């Protein structure tokens, strides 16, 4: 079961918001707090989701830094 930082269950296709500025590994760019990630996909690892972010492509995010919109 995948849950966001507030304990709300996440499902395939949900939209989530980033709650903390996150530095991207292997890049000098940062995802700012408040960015919306739409149409998420659940991964095999619990606590991680995949989502497409504008100008960054598909990235893997930890659910502890997200809240459901």
PDB file of N, CA and C in Angstrom:
ATOM      1  N   UNK A   1       0.840  -1.179   0.000  1.00  0.00           N
ATOM      2  CA  UNK A   1       0.000   0.000   0.000  1.00  0.00           C
ATOM      3  C   UNK A   1       0.892   1.251   0.000  1.00  0.00           C
ATOM      4  N   UNK A   2       0.589   2.172  -0.896  1.00  0.00           N
ATOM      5  CA  UNK A   2       1.356   3.402  -1.032  1.00  0.00           C
ATOM      6  C   UNK A   2       0.601   4.541  -0.355  1.00  0.00           C
ATOM      7  N   UNK A   3       1.294   5.277   0.536  1.00  0.00           N
ATOM      8  CA  UNK A   3       0.667   6.386   1.247  1.00  0.00           C
ATOM      9  C   UNK A   3       1.531   7.631   1.116  1.00  0.00           C
ATOM     10  N   UNK A   4       0.868   8.795   1.051  1.00  0.00           N
ATOM     11  CA  UNK A   4       1.608  10.054   0.983  1.00  0.00           C
ATOM     12  C   UNK A   4       2.068  10.479   2.374  1.00  0.00           C
ATOM     13  N   UNK A   5       2.608  11.676   2.492  1.00  0.00           N
ATOM     14  CA  UNK A   5       3.143  12.149   3.778  1.00  0.00           C
ATOM     15  C   UNK A   5       2.062  12.320   4.837  1.00  0.00           C
ATOM     16  N   UNK A   6       0.804  12.460   4.429  1.00  0.00           N
ATOM     17  CA  UNK A   6      -0.301  12.617   5.377  1.00  0.00           C
ATOM     18  C   UNK A   6      -1.017  11.306   5.673  1.00  0.00           C
ATOM     19  N   UNK A   7      -0.560  10.206   5.087  1.00  0.00           N
ATOM     20  CA  UNK A   7      -1.174   8.909   5.323  1.00  0.00           C
ATOM     21  C   UNK A   7      -2.332   8.588   4.403  1.00  0.00           C
ATOM     22  N   UNK A   8      -2.555   9.404   3.372  1.00  0.00           N
ATOM     23  CA  UNK A   8      -3.627   9.165   2.407  1.00  0.00           C
ATOM     24  C   UNK A   8      -3.133   8.161   1.370  1.00  0.00           C
ATOM     25  N   UNK A   9      -3.966   7.180   1.056  1.00  0.00           N
ATOM     26  CA  UNK A   9      -3.577   6.136   0.107  1.00  0.00           C
ATOM     27  C   UNK A   9      -3.473   6.686  -1.312  1.00  0.00           C
ATOM     28  N   UNK A  10      -2.393   6.321  -2.005  1.00  0.00           N
ATOM     29  CA  UNK A  10      -2.180   6.734  -3.393  1.00  0.00           C
ATOM     30  C   UNK A  10      -2.524   5.592  -4.326  1.00  0.00           C
ATOM     31  N   UNK A  11      -3.098   5.941  -5.488  1.00  0.00           N
ATOM     32  CA  UNK A  11      -3.451   4.943  -6.491  1.00  0.00           C
ATOM     33  C   UNK A  11      -2.920   5.386  -7.843  1.00  0.00           C
ATOM     34  N   UNK A  12      -2.855   4.437  -8.787  1.00  0.00           N
ATOM     35  CA  UNK A  12      -2.419   4.717 -10.148  1.00  0.00           C
ATOM     36  C   UNK A  12      -3.242   5.862 -10.735  1.00  0.00           C
ATOM     37  N   UNK A  13      -2.578   6.832 -11.370  1.00  0.00           N
ATOM     38  CA  UNK A  13      -3.280   7.914 -12.037  1.00  0.00           C
ATOM     39  C   UNK A  13      -3.576   9.125 -11.171  1.00  0.00           C
ATOM     40  N   UNK A  14      -3.271   9.067  -9.874  1.00  0.00           N
ATOM     41  CA  UNK A  14      -3.496  10.213  -8.984  1.00  0.00           C
ATOM     42  C   UNK A  14      -2.541  11.363  -9.332  1.00  0.00           C
ATOM     43  N   UNK A  15      -2.871  12.538  -8.856  1.00  0.00           N
ATOM     44  CA  UNK A  15      -1.972  13.688  -8.933  1.00  0.00           C
ATOM     45  C   UNK A  15      -1.470  13.980  -7.528  1.00  0.00           C
ATOM     46  N   UNK A  16      -0.185  14.334  -7.430  1.00  0.00           N
ATOM     47  CA  UNK A  16       0.417  14.635  -6.142  1.00  0.00           C
ATOM     48  C   UNK A  16       1.188  15.945  -6.229  1.00  0.00           C
ATOM     49  N   UNK A  17       1.416  16.556  -5.065  1.00  0.00           N
ATOM     50  CA  UNK A  17       2.158  17.804  -4.979  1.00  0.00           C
ATOM     51  C   UNK A  17       3.409  17.561  -4.140  1.00  0.00           C
ATOM     52  N   UNK A  18       4.531  18.141  -4.574  1.00  0.00           N
ATOM     53  CA  UNK A  18       5.790  18.025  -3.832  1.00  0.00           C
ATOM     54  C   UNK A  18       5.748  19.001  -2.657  1.00  0.00           C
ATOM     55  N   UNK A  19       6.092  18.525  -1.453  1.00  0.00           N
ATOM     56  CA  UNK A  19       5.972  19.359  -0.250  1.00  0.00           C
ATOM     57  C   UNK A  19       7.309  19.929   0.229  1.00  0.00           C
ATOM     58  N   UNK A  20       8.401  19.606  -0.484  1.00  0.00           N
ATOM     59  CA  UNK A  20       9.730  20.063  -0.071  1.00  0.00           C
ATOM     60  C   UNK A  20      10.586  20.217  -1.321  1.00  0.00           C
ATOM     61  N   UNK A  21      11.456  21.231  -1.367  1.00  0.00           N
ATOM     62  CA  UNK A  21      12.377  21.366  -2.493  1.00  0.00           C
ATOM     63  C   UNK A  21      13.263  20.128  -2.558  1.00  0.00           C
ATOM     64  N   UNK A  22      13.353  19.529  -3.747  1.00  0.00           N
ATOM     65  CA  UNK A  22      14.123  18.299  -3.915  1.00  0.00           C
ATOM     66  C   UNK A  22      15.192  18.493  -4.986  1.00  0.00           C
ATOM     67  N   UNK A  23      16.437  18.178  -4.649  1.00  0.00           N
ATOM     68  CA  UNK A  23      17.530  18.227  -5.617  1.00  0.00           C
ATOM     69  C   UNK A  23      17.525  16.923  -6.400  1.00  0.00           C
ATOM     70  N   UNK A  24      17.614  17.026  -7.722  1.00  0.00           N
ATOM     71  CA  UNK A  24      17.606  15.833  -8.568  1.00  0.00           C
ATOM     72  C   UNK A  24      19.001  15.235  -8.647  1.00  0.00           C
ATOM     73  N   UNK A  25      19.096  13.926  -8.451  1.00  0.00           N
ATOM     74  CA  UNK A  25      20.381  13.240  -8.551  1.00  0.00           C
ATOM     75  C   UNK A  25      20.886  13.314  -9.985  1.00  0.00           C
ATOM     76  N   UNK A  26      22.175  13.563 -10.151  1.00  0.00           N
ATOM     77  CA  UNK A  26      22.777  13.588 -11.472  1.00  0.00           C
ATOM     78  C   UNK A  26      22.439  14.832 -12.264  1.00  0.00           C
ATOM     79  N   UNK A  27      21.902  15.835 -11.601  1.00  0.00           N
ATOM     80  CA  UNK A  27      21.513  17.069 -12.283  1.00  0.00           C
ATOM     81  C   UNK A  27      21.741  18.240 -11.338  1.00  0.00           C
ATOM     82  N   UNK A  28      21.897  19.417 -11.913  1.00  0.00           N
ATOM     83  CA  UNK A  28      22.081  20.596 -11.073  1.00  0.00           C
ATOM     84  C   UNK A  28      20.757  21.287 -10.772  1.00  0.00           C
ATOM     85  N   UNK A  29      19.656  20.734 -11.291  1.00  0.00           N
ATOM     86  CA  UNK A  29      18.354  21.377 -11.097  1.00  0.00           C
ATOM     87  C   UNK A  29      17.654  20.874  -9.834  1.00  0.00           C
ATOM     88  N   UNK A  30      16.649  21.640  -9.408  1.00  0.00           N
ATOM     89  CA  UNK A  30      15.885  21.345  -8.204  1.00  0.00           C
ATOM     90  C   UNK A  30      14.403  21.398  -8.519  1.00  0.00           C
ATOM     91  N   UNK A  31      13.641  20.454  -7.959  1.00  0.00           N
ATOM     92  CA  UNK A  31      12.186  20.505  -8.054  1.00  0.00           C
ATOM     93  C   UNK A  31      11.690  21.335  -6.879  1.00  0.00           C
ATOM     94  N   UNK A  32      10.966  22.380  -7.172  1.00  0.00           N
ATOM     95  CA  UNK A  32      10.497  23.297  -6.134  1.00  0.00           C
ATOM     96  C   UNK A  32       9.256  22.764  -5.440  1.00  0.00           C
ATOM     97  N   UNK A  33       9.077  23.182  -4.199  1.00  0.00           N
ATOM     98  CA  UNK A  33       7.890  22.837  -3.426  1.00  0.00           C
ATOM     99  C   UNK A  33       6.663  23.365  -4.155  1.00  0.00           C
ATOM    100  N   UNK A  34       5.610  22.552  -4.208  1.00  0.00           N
ATOM    101  CA  UNK A  34       4.370  22.972  -4.845  1.00  0.00           C
ATOM    102  C   UNK A  34       4.188  22.458  -6.263  1.00  0.00           C
ATOM    103  N   UNK A  35       5.230  21.855  -6.848  1.00  0.00           N
ATOM    104  CA  UNK A  35       5.119  21.312  -8.202  1.00  0.00           C
ATOM    105  C   UNK A  35       4.129  20.146  -8.188  1.00  0.00           C
ATOM    106  N   UNK A  36       3.233  20.113  -9.177  1.00  0.00           N
ATOM    107  CA  UNK A  36       2.236  19.051  -9.287  1.00  0.00           C
ATOM    108  C   UNK A  36       2.765  17.976 -10.237  1.00  0.00           C
ATOM    109  N   UNK A  37       2.683  16.727  -9.793  1.00  0.00           N
ATOM    110  CA  UNK A  37       3.044  15.571 -10.625  1.00  0.00           C
ATOM    111  C   UNK A  37       1.740  14.848 -10.935  1.00  0.00           C
ATOM    112  N   UNK A  38       1.379  14.792 -12.222  1.00  0.00           N
ATOM    113  CA  UNK A  38       0.097  14.204 -12.622  1.00  0.00           C
ATOM    114  C   UNK A  38       0.277  12.776 -13.105  1.00  0.00           C
ATOM    115  N   UNK A  39      -0.790  12.014 -12.980  1.00  0.00           N
ATOM    116  CA  UNK A  39      -0.859  10.656 -13.538  1.00  0.00           C
ATOM    117  C   UNK A  39       0.307   9.780 -13.070  1.00  0.00           C
ATOM    118  N   UNK A  40       0.422   9.588 -11.760  1.00  0.00           N
ATOM    119  CA  UNK A  40       1.538   8.817 -11.206  1.00  0.00           C
ATOM    120  C   UNK A  40       1.370   7.322 -11.493  1.00  0.00           C
ATOM    121  N   UNK A  41       2.495   6.616 -11.448  1.00  0.00           N
ATOM    122  CA  UNK A  41       2.498   5.158 -11.562  1.00  0.00           C
ATOM    123  C   UNK A  41       3.165   4.583 -10.321  1.00  0.00           C
ATOM    124  N   UNK A  42       2.610   3.512  -9.801  1.00  0.00           N
ATOM    125  CA  UNK A  42       3.178   2.849  -8.633  1.00  0.00           C
ATOM    126  C   UNK A  42       4.286   1.912  -9.094  1.00  0.00           C
ATOM    127  N   UNK A  43       5.368   1.838  -8.335  1.00  0.00           N
ATOM    128  CA  UNK A  43       6.507   0.984  -8.688  1.00  0.00           C
ATOM    129  C   UNK A  43       6.489  -0.297  -7.863  1.00  0.00           C
ATOM    130  N   UNK A  44       7.468  -1.155  -8.094  1.00  0.00           N
ATOM    131  CA  UNK A  44       7.588  -2.400  -7.329  1.00  0.00           C
ATOM    132  C   UNK A  44       8.029  -2.133  -5.890  1.00  0.00           C
ATOM    133  N   UNK A  45       8.779  -1.049  -5.682  1.00  0.00           N
ATOM    134  CA  UNK A  45       9.259  -0.700  -4.344  1.00  0.00           C
ATOM    135  C   UNK A  45       8.210   0.130  -3.623  1.00  0.00           C
ATOM    136  N   UNK A  46       7.810  -0.321  -2.444  1.00  0.00           N
ATOM    137  CA  UNK A  46       6.851   0.454  -1.666  1.00  0.00           C
ATOM    138  C   UNK A  46       7.516   1.745  -1.197  1.00  0.00           C
ATOM    139  N   UNK A  47       6.794   2.844  -1.282  1.00  0.00           N
ATOM    140  CA  UNK A  47       7.339   4.129  -0.880  1.00  0.00           C
ATOM    141  C   UNK A  47       7.937   4.921  -2.016  1.00  0.00           C
ATOM    142  N   UNK A  48       7.872   4.390  -3.247  1.00  0.00           N
ATOM    143  CA  UNK A  48       8.388   5.104  -4.414  1.00  0.00           C
ATOM    144  C   UNK A  48       7.359   5.068  -5.531  1.00  0.00           C
ATOM    145  N   UNK A  49       7.196   6.214  -6.213  1.00  0.00           N
ATOM    146  CA  UNK A  49       6.292   6.289  -7.364  1.00  0.00           C
ATOM    147  C   UNK A  49       7.053   6.896  -8.540  1.00  0.00           C
ATOM    148  N   UNK A  50       6.522   6.697  -9.746  1.00  0.00           N
ATOM    149  CA  UNK A  50       7.069   7.338 -10.930  1.00  0.00           C
ATOM    150  C   UNK A  50       6.075   8.373 -11.402  1.00  0.00           C
ATOM    151  N   UNK A  51       6.582   9.487 -11.877  1.00  0.00           N
ATOM    152  CA  UNK A  51       5.710  10.517 -12.403  1.00  0.00           C
ATOM    153  C   UNK A  51       6.444  11.378 -13.400  1.00  0.00           C
ATOM    154  N   UNK A  52       5.691  11.988 -14.309  1.00  0.00           N
ATOM    155  CA  UNK A  52       6.282  12.852 -15.327  1.00  0.00           C
ATOM    156  C   UNK A  52       6.206  14.295 -14.852  1.00  0.00           C
ATOM    157  N   UNK A  53       7.356  14.966 -14.880  1.00  0.00           N
ATOM    158  CA  UNK A  53       7.449  16.357 -14.465  1.00  0.00           C
ATOM    159  C   UNK A  53       7.895  17.168 -15.673  1.00  0.00           C
ATOM    160  N   UNK A  54       7.229  18.305 -15.915  1.00  0.00           N
ATOM    161  CA  UNK A  54       7.585  19.164 -17.044  1.00  0.00           C
ATOM    162  C   UNK A  54       9.062  19.508 -17.024  1.00  0.00           C
ATOM    163  N   UNK A  55       9.706  19.440 -18.178  1.00  0.00           N
ATOM    164  CA  UNK A  55      11.120  19.788 -18.396  1.00  0.00           C
ATOM    165  C   UNK A  55      12.107  18.817 -17.754  1.00  0.00           C
ATOM    166  N   UNK A  56      11.621  17.793 -17.039  1.00  0.00           N
ATOM    167  CA  UNK A  56      12.524  16.833 -16.394  1.00  0.00           C
ATOM    168  C   UNK A  56      12.255  15.404 -16.833  1.00  0.00           C
ATOM    169  N   UNK A  57      11.134  15.148 -17.478  1.00  0.00           N
ATOM    170  CA  UNK A  57      10.787  13.801 -17.910  1.00  0.00           C
ATOM    171  C   UNK A  57      10.248  12.966 -16.765  1.00  0.00           C
ATOM    172  N   UNK A  58      10.372  11.653 -16.894  1.00  0.00           N
ATOM    173  CA  UNK A  58       9.865  10.733 -15.880  1.00  0.00           C
ATOM    174  C   UNK A  58      10.908  10.586 -14.773  1.00  0.00           C
ATOM    175  N   UNK A  59      10.470  10.780 -13.516  1.00  0.00           N
ATOM    176  CA  UNK A  59      11.374  10.654 -12.386  1.00  0.00           C
ATOM    177  C   UNK A  59      10.726   9.784 -11.309  1.00  0.00           C
ATOM    178  N   UNK A  60      11.555   9.226 -10.445  1.00  0.00           N
ATOM    179  CA  UNK A  60      11.084   8.419  -9.312  1.00  0.00           C
ATOM    180  C   UNK A  60      11.125   9.300  -8.075  1.00  0.00           C
ATOM    181  N   UNK A  61      10.022   9.309  -7.321  1.00  0.00           N
ATOM    182  CA  UNK A  61       9.925  10.139  -6.125  1.00  0.00           C
ATOM    183  C   UNK A  61       9.532   9.297  -4.922  1.00  0.00           C
ATOM    184  N   UNK A  62      10.033   9.655  -3.754  1.00  0.00           N
ATOM    185  CA  UNK A  62       9.626   8.996  -2.508  1.00  0.00           C
ATOM    186  C   UNK A  62       8.308   9.599  -2.051  1.00  0.00           C
ATOM    187  N   UNK A  63       7.399   8.745  -1.606  1.00  0.00           N
ATOM    188  CA  UNK A  63       6.067   9.211  -1.210  1.00  0.00           C
ATOM    189  C   UNK A  63       6.097  10.070   0.053  1.00  0.00           C
ATOM    190  N   UNK A  64       7.170  10.015   0.825  1.00  0.00           N
ATOM    191  CA  UNK A  64       7.254  10.822   2.050  1.00  0.00           C
ATOM    192  C   UNK A  64       7.400  12.312   1.746  1.00  0.00           C
ATOM    193  N   UNK A  65       7.700  12.682   0.494  1.00  0.00           N
ATOM    194  CA  UNK A  65       7.829  14.082   0.089  1.00  0.00           C
ATOM    195  C   UNK A  65       6.642  14.554  -0.737  1.00  0.00           C
ATOM    196  N   UNK A  66       5.549  13.801  -0.719  1.00  0.00           N
ATOM    197  CA  UNK A  66       4.394  14.102  -1.565  1.00  0.00           C
ATOM    198  C   UNK A  66       3.114  14.188  -0.774  1.00  0.00           C
ATOM    199  N   UNK A  67       2.149  14.946  -1.309  1.00  0.00           N
ATOM    200  CA  UNK A  67       0.793  14.908  -0.746  1.00  0.00           C
ATOM    201  C   UNK A  67      -0.189  14.843  -1.911  1.00  0.00           C
ATOM    202  N   UNK A  68      -1.251  14.083  -1.702  1.00  0.00           N
ATOM    203  CA  UNK A  68      -2.259  13.893  -2.743  1.00  0.00           C
ATOM    204  C   UNK A  68      -3.032  15.184  -2.951  1.00  0.00           C
ATOM    205  N   UNK A  69      -3.303  15.482  -4.230  1.00  0.00           N
ATOM    206  CA  UNK A  69      -4.055  16.704  -4.570  1.00  0.00           C
ATOM    207  C   UNK A  69      -5.495  16.339  -4.824  1.00  0.00           C
TER     208      UNK A  69
END
